[in-house]
Amino acid sequence: MIAPGLRPAPPTGLSGTEARAVVAYVRKIREAAPLPRIAPDVRLAMDVFGAKCVACHILDGDGGKEGPDLTHAARKPGHDAARFVRWISDPAGVDPNAEMPAFAGKLSDVQLNAVAQYLARRH
């Protein structure tokens, strides 16, 4: 996951020739292997996760370490989309000791369901 502040700034100081070589290489790779298509609901979930969740949660090796790693969020029994909706909306309602903020009213129903479905598929 790439989000502002998670990665250091790219190196600077490339000469014009080096910069053109990098651009040519990226164009060549893009033509050889087009980017995979991402379903709209997955794109929405990734956008919300990048904006709201990645500061505290790791996903596929990137993110914050305050909250649990969500790479395999659905491995535990009972961790389905409905549970993720309840948890994201009102964590303290599921676990009174939860430290995560509630996102009810901060995310639309569409955003909330997209993230919940996305996490429910992560085995």
Protein backbone atom coordinates (compact mmCIF):
# COMPACT_ATOMS: atom_id res chain seq x y z
CA MET A 1 0.00 0.00 0.00
CA ILE A 2 1.36 3.37 -0.92
CA ALA A 3 0.13 6.42 0.95
CA PRO A 4 1.58 9.82 1.80
CA GLY A 5 4.28 9.65 4.42
CA LEU A 6 4.87 5.90 4.30
CA ARG A 7 7.76 5.81 1.93
CA PRO A 8 10.84 8.03 1.82
CA ALA A 9 11.07 10.59 -0.94
CA PRO A 10 12.50 9.25 -4.21
CA PRO A 11 16.18 9.88 -4.79
CA THR A 12 17.07 13.07 -6.58
CA GLY A 13 20.02 14.11 -8.65
CA LEU A 14 19.46 12.10 -11.83
CA SER A 15 20.97 13.59 -14.93
CA GLY A 16 18.69 14.28 -17.89
CA THR A 17 20.04 11.20 -19.66
CA GLU A 18 19.46 8.99 -16.61
CA ALA A 19 15.94 10.32 -16.14
CA ARG A 20 15.08 9.66 -19.80
CA ALA A 21 16.47 6.12 -19.46
CA VAL A 22 14.25 5.46 -16.43
CA VAL A 23 11.16 6.80 -18.23
CA ALA A 24 11.95 4.70 -21.33
CA TYR A 25 12.34 1.60 -19.17
CA VAL A 26 9.04 2.18 -17.36
CA ARG A 27 7.23 2.70 -20.68
CA LYS A 28 8.72 -0.50 -22.07
CA ILE A 29 7.63 -2.52 -19.05
CA ARG A 30 4.13 -1.03 -19.11
CA GLU A 31 3.70 -2.02 -22.76
CA ALA A 32 4.97 -5.54 -22.11
CA ALA A 33 2.70 -6.19 -19.13
CA PRO A 34 -0.35 -3.95 -18.79
CA LEU A 35 -1.54 -3.16 -15.31
CA PRO A 36 -4.08 -5.62 -13.93
CA ARG A 37 -7.71 -4.54 -13.89
CA ILE A 38 -9.05 -3.89 -10.44
CA ALA A 39 -12.76 -4.25 -9.69
CA PRO A 40 -14.40 -0.95 -8.65
CA ASP A 41 -15.31 -2.25 -5.17
CA VAL A 42 -11.73 -3.40 -4.57
CA ARG A 43 -10.39 -0.05 -5.80
CA LEU A 44 -12.76 1.75 -3.40
CA ALA A 45 -11.69 -0.48 -0.50
CA MET A 46 -8.03 0.14 -1.28
CA ASP A 47 -8.60 3.89 -1.48
CA VAL A 48 -10.41 3.95 1.87
CA PHE A 49 -7.80 1.71 3.46
CA GLY A 50 -5.02 3.97 2.19
CA ALA A 51 -6.75 7.07 3.52
CA LYS A 52 -8.13 5.82 6.84
CA CYS A 53 -6.51 2.55 7.90
CA VAL A 54 -2.92 2.24 6.71
CA ALA A 55 -1.54 4.61 9.35
CA CYS A 56 -2.36 2.01 12.03
CA HIS A 57 -2.65 -1.32 10.18
CA ILE A 58 -0.25 -3.33 8.05
CA LEU A 59 -1.50 -4.84 4.81
CA ASP A 60 0.86 -6.97 2.74
CA GLY A 61 3.91 -5.67 4.60
CA ASP A 62 3.17 -1.93 4.47
CA GLY A 63 1.53 0.31 7.02
CA GLY A 64 1.53 1.27 10.67
CA LYS A 65 2.04 -1.02 13.62
CA GLU A 66 -0.40 0.45 16.15
CA GLY A 67 -3.19 -1.92 15.11
CA PRO A 68 -3.09 -5.56 14.05
CA ASP A 69 -1.74 -6.73 10.70
CA LEU A 70 -4.76 -7.20 8.42
CA THR A 71 -2.99 -9.09 5.64
CA HIS A 72 -4.89 -12.27 6.58
CA ALA A 73 -7.79 -10.61 8.42
CA ALA A 74 -10.32 -13.32 7.57
CA ARG A 75 -8.31 -16.33 8.73
CA LYS A 76 -9.88 -16.40 12.17
CA PRO A 77 -13.26 -18.14 12.40
CA GLY A 78 -16.16 -15.71 12.40
CA HIS A 79 -14.20 -12.92 10.73
CA ASP A 80 -16.69 -12.32 7.94
CA ALA A 81 -17.91 -9.15 6.26
CA ALA A 82 -20.73 -8.62 8.79
CA ARG A 83 -18.27 -8.74 11.69
CA PHE A 84 -15.92 -6.32 9.94
CA VAL A 85 -18.81 -3.89 9.38
CA ARG A 86 -19.67 -4.02 13.11
CA TRP A 87 -16.02 -3.69 14.12
CA ILE A 88 -15.18 -0.79 11.80
CA SER A 89 -18.40 1.05 12.66
CA ASP A 90 -18.16 0.70 16.45
CA PRO A 91 -15.14 -1.23 17.76
CA ALA A 92 -16.04 -0.57 21.40
CA GLY A 93 -19.46 -2.09 20.76
CA VAL A 94 -17.74 -5.35 19.81
CA ASP A 95 -14.92 -5.16 22.37
CA PRO A 96 -15.12 -2.60 25.22
CA ASN A 97 -11.30 -2.59 25.37
CA ALA A 98 -10.90 -1.69 21.68
CA GLU A 99 -8.53 1.20 21.02
CA MET A 100 -9.57 1.72 17.41
CA PRO A 101 -11.75 4.77 16.69
CA ALA A 102 -15.28 4.24 15.43
CA PHE A 103 -15.84 5.00 11.76
CA ALA A 104 -19.65 5.10 11.86
CA GLY A 105 -20.60 8.40 10.26
CA LYS A 106 -17.06 8.87 8.92
CA LEU A 107 -17.45 6.36 6.10
CA SER A 108 -20.42 5.96 3.80
CA ASP A 109 -22.26 2.64 3.79
CA VAL A 110 -20.71 1.91 0.38
CA GLN A 111 -17.20 2.60 1.67
CA LEU A 112 -17.77 0.61 4.85
CA ASN A 113 -19.12 -2.41 2.97
CA ALA A 114 -16.32 -2.26 0.40
CA VAL A 115 -13.66 -2.38 3.12
CA ALA A 116 -15.51 -5.11 5.05
CA GLN A 117 -15.87 -7.29 1.95
CA TYR A 118 -12.22 -6.70 1.03
CA LEU A 119 -11.02 -7.76 4.49
CA ALA A 120 -13.39 -10.75 4.53
CA ARG A 121 -11.64 -12.12 1.42
CA ARG A 122 -8.15 -11.88 2.94
CA HIS A 123 -7.34 -15.43 4.06
